[in-house]
Amino acid sequence: MDSKKTKEMIIRIITGLILLPLSIFLIVKAHSHVFFLVIYIIQLLAVKEFINIAKNDNIYVSKFMIWASAVIMPFLMFFFSDFTPFILASFILLFVLFLLKMFSANPTEKVIEEVSYNFFVALYLPFLFTFLSLLKNIGYEWVLFLCFVIWASDSFAYFTGVALGKHKLIPKVSPGKSIEGLIGGAVGALIVAYFFNMYLLHESLVTIAIIAVDVIAAGVIGDLIESMMKRSANVKDSGSIIPGHGGILDRFDSLIIAAPVLYFYLIYVAGK
């Protein structure tokens, strides 16, 4: 490993040692409203990164509507017991995007492409990030479970891939990911889930295995989704706000896809 990569690795480790205990403290000790505000701010920072990525796709981006959604939507999801206000606001967002296109300089060019693109960009992060706060309402244990399983999956996948990776997973999307890494990550994460459940959650072995597999699969898909979007926009990292780790999206890509999967399972299957 050359000196540059060694320096990057050291910075990455130091940053992780600082952020890990801080994250655990917030998850365990912070009031649900405080936790929501922290996630809300992180989401806003991620939206800024996402706008920069979206602009590289050479499609018109309505910054005002995207920021309006980022500011309003999380509150509608978190502070109302059902999704009705969020659905209404989503309809208004779509309606206004069509109106803006209608009165633009080129109202009949790329209508579906521009409206659907902006609708997606406006809702993607506010919608997904808020599920981390909704999970906190169910119990901080489930947020910790989500984080530890995803972190374990990523870490075991990386080291297994480096040591044994020979068969590419989806090379056109993410050339560095291997089938061996995927298997190693899944096995490592399942072991972490088992011990986590033993000491904190106390669910049945079958239940926790199903939940862990769902979270692991969703996390891998979330990582690949962001890889697709970054490749489409021709960018390597979503940002540089976290020393040694890239941007917010680079760290939360798996979590924000796995969070709603876990939430809906707990609400509609496990009845939490």
Protein backbone atom coordinates (compact mmCIF):
# COMPACT_ATOMS: atom_id res chain seq x y z
CA MET A 1 0.00 0.00 0.00
CA ASP A 2 1.51 3.34 -1.06
CA SER A 3 1.84 6.34 1.28
CA LYS A 4 -1.25 8.09 -0.14
CA LYS A 5 -3.50 5.08 0.44
CA THR A 6 -2.00 4.56 3.89
CA LYS A 7 -2.76 8.17 4.80
CA GLU A 8 -6.32 7.83 3.49
CA MET A 9 -6.81 4.64 5.50
CA ILE A 10 -5.53 6.30 8.69
CA ILE A 11 -7.88 9.27 8.18
CA ARG A 12 -10.74 6.86 7.50
CA ILE A 13 -10.07 4.91 10.72
CA ILE A 14 -9.72 8.05 12.87
CA THR A 15 -12.97 9.47 11.49
CA GLY A 16 -14.72 6.17 12.15
CA LEU A 17 -13.43 6.04 15.74
CA ILE A 18 -14.87 9.52 16.34
CA LEU A 19 -18.21 9.06 14.58
CA LEU A 20 -19.01 5.54 15.82
CA PRO A 21 -19.39 6.32 19.55
CA LEU A 22 -21.12 9.61 18.73
CA SER A 23 -23.62 7.78 16.52
CA ILE A 24 -24.30 5.13 19.16
CA PHE A 25 -24.79 7.81 21.83
CA LEU A 26 -27.32 9.66 19.67
CA ILE A 27 -29.22 6.50 18.80
CA VAL A 28 -29.42 5.28 22.40
CA LYS A 29 -29.65 8.46 24.46
CA ALA A 30 -31.15 11.21 22.28
CA HIS A 31 -34.87 11.98 22.53
CA SER A 32 -36.74 10.92 19.40
CA HIS A 33 -37.31 14.56 18.41
CA VAL A 34 -33.61 15.39 18.83
CA PHE A 35 -32.70 12.32 16.81
CA PHE A 36 -35.15 13.40 14.12
CA LEU A 37 -33.52 16.85 13.91
CA VAL A 38 -30.06 15.29 13.56
CA ILE A 39 -31.27 13.00 10.76
CA TYR A 40 -33.14 15.97 9.25
CA ILE A 41 -29.92 18.01 9.05
CA ILE A 42 -27.99 15.04 7.63
CA GLN A 43 -30.75 14.64 5.03
CA LEU A 44 -30.43 18.30 3.99
CA LEU A 45 -26.67 17.86 3.53
CA ALA A 46 -27.33 14.74 1.48
CA VAL A 47 -29.85 16.60 -0.69
CA LYS A 48 -27.17 19.18 -1.50
CA GLU A 49 -24.91 16.34 -2.68
CA PHE A 50 -27.76 14.74 -4.60
CA ILE A 51 -28.54 17.96 -6.46
CA ASN A 52 -24.90 18.19 -7.56
CA ILE A 53 -25.03 14.60 -8.79
CA ALA A 54 -28.36 15.18 -10.55
CA LYS A 55 -27.05 18.28 -12.36
CA ASN A 56 -24.38 16.13 -14.00
CA ASP A 57 -27.06 14.07 -15.74
CA ASN A 58 -27.76 16.99 -18.11
CA ILE A 59 -31.43 17.22 -17.13
CA TYR A 60 -33.03 20.40 -15.82
CA VAL A 61 -33.15 20.36 -12.02
CA SER A 62 -35.71 22.47 -10.14
CA LYS A 63 -33.68 23.36 -7.05
CA PHE A 64 -36.53 25.28 -5.44
CA MET A 65 -38.95 22.35 -5.54
CA ILE A 66 -36.28 19.91 -4.41
CA TRP A 67 -35.34 22.06 -1.42
CA ALA A 68 -39.00 22.68 -0.60
CA SER A 69 -39.55 18.94 -0.47
CA ALA A 70 -36.41 18.40 1.62
CA VAL A 71 -37.57 20.99 4.15
CA ILE A 72 -41.24 19.99 4.41
CA MET A 73 -41.62 16.26 3.66
CA PRO A 74 -39.74 14.80 6.66
CA PHE A 75 -41.95 16.75 9.08
CA LEU A 76 -45.11 15.46 7.37
CA MET A 77 -43.87 11.88 7.67
CA PHE A 78 -42.57 12.10 11.23
CA PHE A 79 -45.21 14.16 13.01
CA PHE A 80 -48.36 12.62 11.51
CA SER A 81 -49.51 9.12 12.40
CA ASP A 82 -50.36 8.19 8.81
CA PHE A 83 -48.92 9.04 5.42
CA THR A 84 -51.93 11.06 4.19
CA PRO A 85 -50.30 14.54 4.52
CA PHE A 86 -47.17 13.20 2.83
CA ILE A 87 -49.21 11.73 -0.04
CA LEU A 88 -51.12 15.00 -0.45
CA ALA A 89 -47.88 17.00 -0.48
CA SER A 90 -46.42 14.55 -3.03
CA PHE A 91 -49.41 15.14 -5.32
CA ILE A 92 -48.99 18.91 -4.96
CA LEU A 93 -45.28 18.54 -5.76
CA LEU A 94 -46.05 16.58 -8.92
CA PHE A 95 -48.78 19.03 -9.93
CA VAL A 96 -46.51 22.07 -9.47
CA LEU A 97 -43.67 20.41 -11.39
CA PHE A 98 -46.02 19.95 -14.35
CA LEU A 99 -47.13 23.59 -14.08
CA LEU A 100 -43.53 24.80 -14.00
CA LYS A 101 -42.79 22.75 -17.11
CA MET A 102 -45.96 24.02 -18.79
CA PHE A 103 -44.89 27.66 -18.42
CA SER A 104 -41.20 27.06 -19.14
CA ALA A 105 -39.37 28.11 -22.31
CA ASN A 106 -39.68 24.57 -23.75
CA PRO A 107 -43.00 23.18 -22.46
CA THR A 108 -43.28 20.32 -24.94
CA GLU A 109 -39.70 18.99 -24.81
CA LYS A 110 -38.67 16.14 -22.46
CA VAL A 111 -41.83 16.59 -20.37
CA ILE A 112 -41.95 13.11 -18.83
CA GLU A 113 -38.19 12.97 -18.44
CA GLU A 114 -37.85 16.30 -16.62
CA VAL A 115 -40.97 16.05 -14.45
CA SER A 116 -40.33 12.46 -13.36
CA TYR A 117 -36.63 13.17 -12.78
CA ASN A 118 -37.35 16.16 -10.55
CA PHE A 119 -40.14 14.32 -8.75
CA PHE A 120 -37.75 11.48 -7.96
CA VAL A 121 -34.91 13.76 -6.85
CA ALA A 122 -37.27 15.79 -4.67
CA LEU A 123 -38.71 12.77 -2.82
CA TYR A 124 -35.95 10.17 -2.80
CA LEU A 125 -33.90 11.36 0.18
CA PRO A 126 -36.55 13.10 2.35
CA PHE A 127 -38.68 9.96 2.11
CA LEU A 128 -35.96 7.40 2.80
CA PHE A 129 -33.98 9.24 5.50
CA THR A 130 -37.07 9.81 7.64
CA PHE A 131 -37.48 6.06 8.18
CA LEU A 132 -34.40 6.16 10.41
CA SER A 133 -36.34 8.50 12.72
CA LEU A 134 -39.49 6.37 12.47
CA LEU A 135 -37.49 3.32 13.53
CA LYS A 136 -36.25 5.24 16.56
CA ASN A 137 -39.91 5.67 17.56
CA ILE A 138 -40.31 1.87 17.56
CA GLY A 139 -37.16 1.45 19.65
CA TYR A 140 -33.55 2.57 19.57
CA GLU A 141 -32.56 -1.13 19.57
CA TRP A 142 -33.83 -1.50 16.01
CA VAL A 143 -31.84 1.51 14.78
CA LEU A 144 -28.73 0.02 16.38
CA PHE A 145 -29.53 -3.36 14.86
CA LEU A 146 -29.92 -1.80 11.43
CA CYS A 147 -26.63 0.10 11.69
CA PHE A 148 -24.59 -2.79 13.07
CA VAL A 149 -25.89 -5.28 10.50
CA ILE A 150 -25.23 -2.88 7.62
CA TRP A 151 -21.78 -1.92 8.94
CA ALA A 152 -20.90 -5.58 9.43
CA SER A 153 -22.13 -6.46 5.95
CA ASP A 154 -20.06 -3.67 4.38
CA SER A 155 -16.92 -4.47 6.40
CA PHE A 156 -16.99 -8.26 5.94
CA ALA A 157 -17.82 -7.83 2.24
CA TYR A 158 -14.84 -5.50 1.77
CA PHE A 159 -12.27 -7.72 3.47
CA THR A 160 -13.64 -10.94 1.98
CA GLY A 161 -13.68 -9.33 -1.45
CA VAL A 162 -10.07 -8.15 -1.11
CA ALA A 163 -8.88 -11.57 0.07
CA LEU A 164 -11.00 -13.92 -2.05
CA GLY A 165 -12.92 -11.89 -4.63
CA LYS A 166 -12.64 -13.38 -8.12
CA HIS A 167 -16.15 -13.33 -9.57
CA LYS A 168 -17.65 -9.89 -10.18
CA LEU A 169 -21.16 -9.26 -8.87
CA ILE A 170 -22.43 -6.63 -11.34
CA PRO A 171 -19.29 -5.16 -12.95
CA LYS A 172 -21.13 -2.57 -15.05
CA VAL A 173 -22.61 -1.08 -11.89
CA SER A 174 -19.82 -1.60 -9.35
CA PRO A 175 -16.60 -3.19 -10.67
CA GLY A 176 -15.13 -3.60 -7.18
CA LYS A 177 -17.89 -5.80 -5.76
CA SER A 178 -17.58 -9.57 -5.97
CA ILE A 179 -19.86 -12.54 -5.32
CA GLU A 180 -17.36 -13.76 -2.73
CA GLY A 181 -17.55 -10.39 -0.99
CA LEU A 182 -21.35 -10.54 -1.02
CA ILE A 183 -21.33 -13.98 0.61
CA GLY A 184 -18.69 -12.99 3.16
CA GLY A 185 -20.59 -9.82 4.01
CA ALA A 186 -23.85 -11.73 4.46
CA VAL A 187 -22.28 -14.40 6.70
CA GLY A 188 -20.50 -11.79 8.84
CA ALA A 189 -23.65 -9.68 9.18
CA LEU A 190 -25.75 -12.73 10.14
CA ILE A 191 -23.28 -13.57 12.90
CA VAL A 192 -23.44 -9.99 14.20
CA ALA A 193 -27.26 -10.09 14.02
CA TYR A 194 -27.30 -13.34 16.02
CA PHE A 195 -25.22 -11.96 18.90
CA PHE A 196 -27.01 -8.59 18.78
CA ASN A 197 -30.33 -10.37 19.11
CA MET A 198 -29.05 -12.57 21.91
CA TYR A 199 -28.08 -9.63 24.11
CA LEU A 200 -30.59 -6.92 23.14
CA LEU A 201 -33.60 -7.86 21.00
CA HIS A 202 -34.46 -11.41 22.15
CA GLU A 203 -36.50 -12.30 19.08
CA SER A 204 -36.81 -15.89 17.86
CA LEU A 205 -33.92 -17.22 15.80
CA VAL A 206 -36.13 -17.60 12.70
CA THR A 207 -37.52 -14.07 13.04
CA ILE A 208 -34.15 -12.41 13.44
CA ALA A 209 -32.70 -14.44 10.55
CA ILE A 210 -35.52 -13.28 8.24
CA ILE A 211 -35.14 -9.67 9.36
CA ALA A 212 -31.34 -9.77 9.00
CA VAL A 213 -31.50 -11.26 5.50
CA ASP A 214 -34.00 -8.57 4.45
CA VAL A 215 -31.77 -5.81 5.86
CA ILE A 216 -28.60 -7.24 4.30
CA ALA A 217 -30.23 -7.63 0.87
CA ALA A 218 -31.72 -4.14 0.99
CA GLY A 219 -28.38 -2.68 2.07
CA VAL A 220 -26.53 -4.27 -0.85
CA ILE A 221 -29.20 -3.05 -3.27
CA GLY A 222 -28.99 0.46 -1.77
CA ASP A 223 -25.24 0.50 -2.31
CA LEU A 224 -25.67 -0.61 -5.91
CA ILE A 225 -28.42 1.97 -6.52
CA GLU A 226 -26.10 4.80 -5.52
CA SER A 227 -23.30 3.29 -7.64
CA MET A 228 -25.65 3.36 -10.65
CA MET A 229 -26.58 6.99 -10.06
CA LYS A 230 -22.97 8.10 -9.54
CA ARG A 231 -21.85 6.29 -12.70
CA SER A 232 -24.71 7.84 -14.63
CA ALA A 233 -23.56 11.29 -13.45
CA ASN A 234 -19.87 10.35 -13.90
CA VAL A 235 -18.82 11.09 -10.31
CA LYS A 236 -16.72 8.93 -7.97
CA ASP A 237 -17.94 10.14 -4.57
CA SER A 238 -21.13 11.96 -3.62
CA GLY A 239 -19.07 14.54 -1.69
CA SER A 240 -16.14 15.02 0.67
CA ILE A 241 -17.78 16.20 3.89
CA ILE A 242 -16.67 13.11 5.90
CA PRO A 243 -12.85 12.85 5.96
CA GLY A 244 -11.75 9.54 4.48
CA HIS A 245 -15.32 8.42 3.80
CA GLY A 246 -16.56 10.71 1.03
CA GLY A 247 -20.01 12.24 1.21
CA ILE A 248 -23.16 11.70 3.23
CA LEU A 249 -24.69 9.53 0.52
CA ASP A 250 -21.57 7.36 0.37
CA ARG A 251 -22.11 6.47 4.05
CA PHE A 252 -25.91 6.28 4.12
CA ASP A 253 -26.71 4.67 0.76
CA SER A 254 -27.28 1.22 2.28
CA LEU A 255 -28.94 2.45 5.47
CA ILE A 256 -31.61 4.55 3.80
CA ILE A 257 -32.80 1.68 1.60
CA ALA A 258 -32.68 -0.88 4.41
CA ALA A 259 -34.43 1.40 6.94
CA PRO A 260 -37.90 1.38 5.26
CA VAL A 261 -37.60 -2.38 4.62
CA LEU A 262 -37.00 -2.96 8.34
CA TYR A 263 -39.68 -0.44 9.35
CA PHE A 264 -42.43 -1.94 7.19
CA TYR A 265 -41.52 -5.45 8.32
CA LEU A 266 -41.72 -4.46 11.98
CA ILE A 267 -45.01 -2.57 11.51
CA TYR A 268 -46.94 -4.83 9.13
CA VAL A 269 -45.43 -8.28 9.76
CA ALA A 270 -44.11 -8.25 13.32
CA GLY A 271 -46.80 -5.85 14.56
CA LYS A 272 -44.48 -3.62 16.57
